[in-house]
Amino acid sequence: VPYNGACGSGYSVVDHKDIDGIQTGEV
């Protein structure tokens, strides 16, 4: 899921983790 910039200007992504609900379909 793409980063949406909600942390504000000047913040850069340094890490991410994907979350998959294999049985429920949430991503």
PDB file of all heavy atoms in Angstrom:
ATOM      1  N   VAL A   1       0.877  -1.171   0.000  1.00  0.00           N
ATOM      2  CA  VAL A   1       0.000   0.000   0.000  1.00  0.00           C
ATOM      3  C   VAL A   1       0.913   1.219   0.000  1.00  0.00           C
ATOM      4  O   VAL A   1       1.748   1.369   0.887  1.00  0.00           O
ATOM      5  CB  VAL A   1      -0.913   0.010   1.244  1.00  0.00           C
ATOM      6  CG1 VAL A   1      -1.837   1.204   1.217  1.00  0.00           C
ATOM      7  CG2 VAL A   1      -1.709  -1.291   1.345  1.00  0.00           C
ATOM      8  N   PRO A   2       0.809   2.109  -0.982  1.00  0.00           N
ATOM      9  CA  PRO A   2       1.725   3.250  -1.080  1.00  0.00           C
ATOM     10  C   PRO A   2       1.628   4.189   0.115  1.00  0.00           C
ATOM     11  O   PRO A   2       0.556   4.392   0.677  1.00  0.00           O
ATOM     12  CB  PRO A   2       1.286   3.960  -2.353  1.00  0.00           C
ATOM     13  CG  PRO A   2       0.436   2.994  -3.091  1.00  0.00           C
ATOM     14  CD  PRO A   2      -0.146   2.055  -2.084  1.00  0.00           C
ATOM     15  N   TYR A   3       2.764   4.775   0.468  1.00  0.00           N
ATOM     16  CA  TYR A   3       2.817   5.779   1.526  1.00  0.00           C
ATOM     17  C   TYR A   3       2.026   7.004   1.077  1.00  0.00           C
ATOM     18  O   TYR A   3       2.139   7.454  -0.061  1.00  0.00           O
ATOM     19  CB  TYR A   3       4.271   6.148   1.831  1.00  0.00           C
ATOM     20  CG  TYR A   3       4.398   7.264   2.847  1.00  0.00           C
ATOM     21  CD1 TYR A   3       3.923   7.093   4.143  1.00  0.00           C
ATOM     22  CD2 TYR A   3       4.962   8.477   2.508  1.00  0.00           C
ATOM     23  CE1 TYR A   3       4.020   8.114   5.080  1.00  0.00           C
ATOM     24  CE2 TYR A   3       5.070   9.495   3.431  1.00  0.00           C
ATOM     25  CZ  TYR A   3       4.601   9.314   4.714  1.00  0.00           C
ATOM     26  OH  TYR A   3       4.689  10.322   5.636  1.00  0.00           O
ATOM     27  N   ASN A   4       1.227   7.579   1.973  1.00  0.00           N
ATOM     28  CA  ASN A   4       0.344   8.680   1.604  1.00  0.00           C
ATOM     29  C   ASN A   4       0.802  10.063   2.068  1.00  0.00           C
ATOM     30  O   ASN A   4       0.089  11.036   1.888  1.00  0.00           O
ATOM     31  CB  ASN A   4      -1.072   8.418   2.128  1.00  0.00           C
ATOM     32  CG  ASN A   4      -1.144   8.386   3.640  1.00  0.00           C
ATOM     33  OD1 ASN A   4      -0.150   8.603   4.329  1.00  0.00           O
ATOM     34  ND2 ASN A   4      -2.324   8.103   4.168  1.00  0.00           N
ATOM     35  N   GLY A   5       1.977  10.170   2.704  1.00  0.00           N
ATOM     36  CA  GLY A   5       2.501  11.463   3.116  1.00  0.00           C
ATOM     37  C   GLY A   5       1.865  12.043   4.359  1.00  0.00           C
ATOM     38  O   GLY A   5       2.106  13.198   4.702  1.00  0.00           O
ATOM     39  N   ALA A   6       1.049  11.264   5.079  1.00  0.00           N
ATOM     40  CA  ALA A   6       0.291  11.789   6.217  1.00  0.00           C
ATOM     41  C   ALA A   6       1.158  12.219   7.400  1.00  0.00           C
ATOM     42  O   ALA A   6       0.687  12.962   8.253  1.00  0.00           O
ATOM     43  CB  ALA A   6      -0.746  10.768   6.685  1.00  0.00           C
ATOM     44  N   CYS A   7       2.411  11.783   7.476  1.00  0.00           N
ATOM     45  CA  CYS A   7       3.270  12.225   8.582  1.00  0.00           C
ATOM     46  C   CYS A   7       3.653  13.688   8.436  1.00  0.00           C
ATOM     47  O   CYS A   7       4.032  14.329   9.407  1.00  0.00           O
ATOM     48  CB  CYS A   7       4.522  11.346   8.681  1.00  0.00           C
ATOM     49  SG  CYS A   7       4.165   9.707   9.370  1.00  0.00           S
ATOM     50  N   GLY A   8       3.549  14.234   7.247  1.00  0.00           N
ATOM     51  CA  GLY A   8       3.824  15.648   7.033  1.00  0.00           C
ATOM     52  C   GLY A   8       5.024  15.884   6.143  1.00  0.00           C
ATOM     53  O   GLY A   8       5.784  14.974   5.821  1.00  0.00           O
ATOM     54  N   SER A   9       5.196  17.140   5.765  1.00  0.00           N
ATOM     55  CA  SER A   9       6.320  17.489   4.897  1.00  0.00           C
ATOM     56  C   SER A   9       7.629  17.334   5.658  1.00  0.00           C
ATOM     57  O   SER A   9       7.688  17.553   6.864  1.00  0.00           O
ATOM     58  CB  SER A   9       6.169  18.913   4.361  1.00  0.00           C
ATOM     59  OG  SER A   9       6.216  19.828   5.433  1.00  0.00           O
ATOM     60  N   GLY A  10       8.639  16.920   4.960  1.00  0.00           N
ATOM     61  CA  GLY A  10       9.956  16.728   5.557  1.00  0.00           C
ATOM     62  C   GLY A  10      10.194  15.328   6.084  1.00  0.00           C
ATOM     63  O   GLY A  10      11.317  14.986   6.425  1.00  0.00           O
ATOM     64  N   TYR A  11       9.159  14.503   6.161  1.00  0.00           N
ATOM     65  CA  TYR A  11       9.321  13.123   6.615  1.00  0.00           C
ATOM     66  C   TYR A  11       9.581  12.223   5.423  1.00  0.00           C
ATOM     67  O   TYR A  11       8.878  12.289   4.422  1.00  0.00           O
ATOM     68  CB  TYR A  11       8.072  12.636   7.361  1.00  0.00           C
ATOM     69  CG  TYR A  11       8.015  13.121   8.782  1.00  0.00           C
ATOM     70  CD1 TYR A  11       7.481  14.364   9.083  1.00  0.00           C
ATOM     71  CD2 TYR A  11       8.503  12.346   9.819  1.00  0.00           C
ATOM     72  CE1 TYR A  11       7.432  14.828  10.392  1.00  0.00           C
ATOM     73  CE2 TYR A  11       8.469  12.793  11.131  1.00  0.00           C
ATOM     74  CZ  TYR A  11       7.928  14.037  11.404  1.00  0.00           C
ATOM     75  OH  TYR A  11       7.891  14.477  12.699  1.00  0.00           O
ATOM     76  N   SER A  12      10.595  11.383   5.566  1.00  0.00           N
ATOM     77  CA  SER A  12      10.938  10.414   4.535  1.00  0.00           C
ATOM     78  C   SER A  12      10.772   9.008   5.086  1.00  0.00           C
ATOM     79  O   SER A  12      11.064   8.751   6.253  1.00  0.00           O
ATOM     80  CB  SER A  12      12.393  10.581   4.090  1.00  0.00           C
ATOM     81  OG  SER A  12      12.590  11.857   3.546  1.00  0.00           O
ATOM     82  N   VAL A  13      10.331   8.095   4.237  1.00  0.00           N
ATOM     83  CA  VAL A  13      10.166   6.705   4.644  1.00  0.00           C
ATOM     84  C   VAL A  13      11.539   6.074   4.851  1.00  0.00           C
ATOM     85  O   VAL A  13      12.415   6.179   3.988  1.00  0.00           O
ATOM     86  CB  VAL A  13       9.377   5.917   3.580  1.00  0.00           C
ATOM     87  CG1 VAL A  13       9.348   4.430   3.910  1.00  0.00           C
ATOM     88  CG2 VAL A  13       7.964   6.466   3.451  1.00  0.00           C
ATOM     89  N   VAL A  14      11.731   5.462   6.026  1.00  0.00           N
ATOM     90  CA  VAL A  14      12.989   4.755   6.299  1.00  0.00           C
ATOM     91  C   VAL A  14      12.785   3.250   6.372  1.00  0.00           C
ATOM     92  O   VAL A  14      13.735   2.488   6.231  1.00  0.00           O
ATOM     93  CB  VAL A  14      13.688   5.250   7.584  1.00  0.00           C
ATOM     94  CG1 VAL A  14      14.157   6.675   7.417  1.00  0.00           C
ATOM     95  CG2 VAL A  14      12.804   5.120   8.800  1.00  0.00           C
ATOM     96  N   ASP A  15      11.542   2.795   6.584  1.00  0.00           N
ATOM     97  CA  ASP A  15      11.264   1.359   6.625  1.00  0.00           C
ATOM     98  C   ASP A  15       9.764   1.141   6.485  1.00  0.00           C
ATOM     99  O   ASP A  15       8.966   2.057   6.676  1.00  0.00           O
ATOM    100  CB  ASP A  15      11.753   0.755   7.945  1.00  0.00           C
ATOM    101  CG  ASP A  15      12.025  -0.744   7.859  1.00  0.00           C
ATOM    102  OD1 ASP A  15      11.675  -1.363   6.824  1.00  0.00           O
ATOM    103  OD2 ASP A  15      12.573  -1.301   8.815  1.00  0.00           O
ATOM    104  N   HIS A  16       9.410  -0.072   6.136  1.00  0.00           N
ATOM    105  CA  HIS A  16       8.005  -0.458   6.075  1.00  0.00           C
ATOM    106  C   HIS A  16       7.876  -1.956   6.270  1.00  0.00           C
ATOM    107  O   HIS A  16       8.833  -2.699   6.069  1.00  0.00           O
ATOM    108  CB  HIS A  16       7.369  -0.037   4.745  1.00  0.00           C
ATOM    109  CG  HIS A  16       7.757  -0.918   3.604  1.00  0.00           C
ATOM    110  ND1 HIS A  16       8.921  -0.752   2.906  1.00  0.00           N
ATOM    111  CD2 HIS A  16       7.142  -1.995   3.063  1.00  0.00           C
ATOM    112  CE1 HIS A  16       9.002  -1.673   1.961  1.00  0.00           C
ATOM    113  NE2 HIS A  16       7.937  -2.443   2.041  1.00  0.00           N
ATOM    114  N   LYS A  17       6.696  -2.365   6.693  1.00  0.00           N
ATOM    115  CA  LYS A  17       6.359  -3.782   6.828  1.00  0.00           C
ATOM    116  C   LYS A  17       4.973  -3.968   6.240  1.00  0.00           C
ATOM    117  O   LYS A  17       4.046  -3.237   6.567  1.00  0.00           O
ATOM    118  CB  LYS A  17       6.336  -4.235   8.296  1.00  0.00           C
ATOM    119  CG  LYS A  17       7.624  -4.015   9.051  1.00  0.00           C
ATOM    120  CD  LYS A  17       8.688  -4.976   8.627  1.00  0.00           C
ATOM    121  CE  LYS A  17       9.948  -4.741   9.461  1.00  0.00           C
ATOM    122  NZ  LYS A  17      11.100  -5.412   8.959  1.00  0.00           N
ATOM    123  N   ASP A  18       4.845  -4.963   5.374  1.00  0.00           N
ATOM    124  CA  ASP A  18       3.536  -5.292   4.825  1.00  0.00           C
ATOM    125  C   ASP A  18       2.805  -6.210   5.788  1.00  0.00           C
ATOM    126  O   ASP A  18       3.407  -7.062   6.443  1.00  0.00           O
ATOM    127  CB  ASP A  18       3.681  -5.972   3.460  1.00  0.00           C
ATOM    128  CG  ASP A  18       4.179  -5.011   2.398  1.00  0.00           C
ATOM    129  OD1 ASP A  18       3.780  -3.839   2.424  1.00  0.00           O
ATOM    130  OD2 ASP A  18       4.972  -5.437   1.538  1.00  0.00           O
ATOM    131  N   ILE A  19       1.493  -6.039   5.875  1.00  0.00           N
ATOM    132  CA  ILE A  19       0.646  -6.847   6.742  1.00  0.00           C
ATOM    133  C   ILE A  19      -0.384  -7.528   5.850  1.00  0.00           C
ATOM    134  O   ILE A  19      -1.143  -6.858   5.148  1.00  0.00           O
ATOM    135  CB  ILE A  19      -0.082  -5.966   7.783  1.00  0.00           C
ATOM    136  CG1 ILE A  19       0.925  -5.132   8.589  1.00  0.00           C
ATOM    137  CG2 ILE A  19      -0.939  -6.830   8.695  1.00  0.00           C
ATOM    138  CD1 ILE A  19       0.293  -4.029   9.402  1.00  0.00           C
ATOM    139  N   ASP A  20      -0.381  -8.855   5.854  1.00  0.00           N
ATOM    140  CA  ASP A  20      -1.314  -9.626   5.036  1.00  0.00           C
ATOM    141  C   ASP A  20      -2.197 -10.480   5.917  1.00  0.00           C
ATOM    142  O   ASP A  20      -1.703 -11.327   6.657  1.00  0.00           O
ATOM    143  CB  ASP A  20      -0.564 -10.550   4.068  1.00  0.00           C
ATOM    144  CG  ASP A  20       0.180  -9.798   2.996  1.00  0.00           C
ATOM    145  OD1 ASP A  20      -0.397  -8.854   2.453  1.00  0.00           O
ATOM    146  OD2 ASP A  20       1.334 -10.161   2.706  1.00  0.00           O
ATOM    147  N   GLY A  21      -3.494 -10.260   5.823  1.00  0.00           N
ATOM    148  CA  GLY A  21      -4.456 -11.128   6.490  1.00  0.00           C
ATOM    149  C   GLY A  21      -4.883 -12.196   5.503  1.00  0.00           C
ATOM    150  O   GLY A  21      -5.882 -12.039   4.808  1.00  0.00           O
ATOM    151  N   ILE A  22      -4.106 -13.246   5.387  1.00  0.00           N
ATOM    152  CA  ILE A  22      -4.321 -14.256   4.357  1.00  0.00           C
ATOM    153  C   ILE A  22      -5.741 -14.819   4.430  1.00  0.00           C
ATOM    154  O   ILE A  22      -6.403 -14.982   3.413  1.00  0.00           O
ATOM    155  CB  ILE A  22      -3.268 -15.371   4.479  1.00  0.00           C
ATOM    156  CG1 ILE A  22      -1.887 -14.794   4.157  1.00  0.00           C
ATOM    157  CG2 ILE A  22      -3.592 -16.536   3.562  1.00  0.00           C
ATOM    158  CD1 ILE A  22      -0.739 -15.711   4.418  1.00  0.00           C
ATOM    159  N   GLN A  23      -6.232 -15.098   5.616  1.00  0.00           N
ATOM    160  CA  GLN A  23      -7.564 -15.683   5.737  1.00  0.00           C
ATOM    161  C   GLN A  23      -8.663 -14.638   5.611  1.00  0.00           C
ATOM    162  O   GLN A  23      -9.752 -14.926   5.131  1.00  0.00           O
ATOM    163  CB  GLN A  23      -7.697 -16.422   7.066  1.00  0.00           C
ATOM    164  CG  GLN A  23      -6.779 -17.628   7.130  1.00  0.00           C
ATOM    165  CD  GLN A  23      -6.816 -18.312   8.485  1.00  0.00           C
ATOM    166  OE1 GLN A  23      -7.267 -17.741   9.462  1.00  0.00           O
ATOM    167  NE2 GLN A  23      -6.330 -19.542   8.530  1.00  0.00           N
ATOM    168  N   THR A  24      -8.401 -13.419   6.054  1.00  0.00           N
ATOM    169  CA  THR A  24      -9.442 -12.392   6.048  1.00  0.00           C
ATOM    170  C   THR A  24      -9.360 -11.457   4.850  1.00  0.00           C
ATOM    171  O   THR A  24     -10.308 -10.731   4.574  1.00  0.00           O
ATOM    172  CB  THR A  24      -9.354 -11.556   7.336  1.00  0.00           C
ATOM    173  OG1 THR A  24      -8.047 -10.979   7.419  1.00  0.00           O
ATOM    174  CG2 THR A  24      -9.629 -12.392   8.563  1.00  0.00           C
ATOM    175  N   GLY A  25      -8.239 -11.421   4.163  1.00  0.00           N
ATOM    176  CA  GLY A  25      -8.096 -10.586   2.984  1.00  0.00           C
ATOM    177  C   GLY A  25      -7.654  -9.161   3.241  1.00  0.00           C
ATOM    178  O   GLY A  25      -7.473  -8.389   2.313  1.00  0.00           O
ATOM    179  N   GLU A  26      -7.471  -8.770   4.508  1.00  0.00           N
ATOM    180  CA  GLU A  26      -7.006  -7.419   4.787  1.00  0.00           C
ATOM    181  C   GLU A  26      -5.537  -7.284   4.392  1.00  0.00           C
ATOM    182  O   GLU A  26      -4.733  -8.171   4.650  1.00  0.00           O
ATOM    183  CB  GLU A  26      -7.152  -7.050   6.269  1.00  0.00           C
ATOM    184  CG  GLU A  26      -8.563  -6.800   6.699  1.00  0.00           C
ATOM    185  CD  GLU A  26      -9.219  -8.038   7.277  1.00  0.00           C
ATOM    186  OE1 GLU A  26      -8.660  -9.137   7.138  1.00  0.00           O
ATOM    187  OE2 GLU A  26     -10.304  -7.893   7.849  1.00  0.00           O
ATOM    188  N   VAL A  27      -5.227  -6.197   3.771  1.00  0.00           N
ATOM    189  CA  VAL A  27      -3.858  -5.896   3.389  1.00  0.00           C
ATOM    190  C   VAL A  27      -3.566  -4.465   3.825  1.00  0.00           C
ATOM    191  O   VAL A  27      -4.375  -3.571   3.597  1.00  0.00           O
ATOM    192  CB  VAL A  27      -3.636  -6.037   1.869  1.00  0.00           C
ATOM    193  CG1 VAL A  27      -2.238  -5.615   1.481  1.00  0.00           C
ATOM    194  CG2 VAL A  27      -3.905  -7.458   1.416  1.00  0.00           C
TER     195      VAL A  27
END
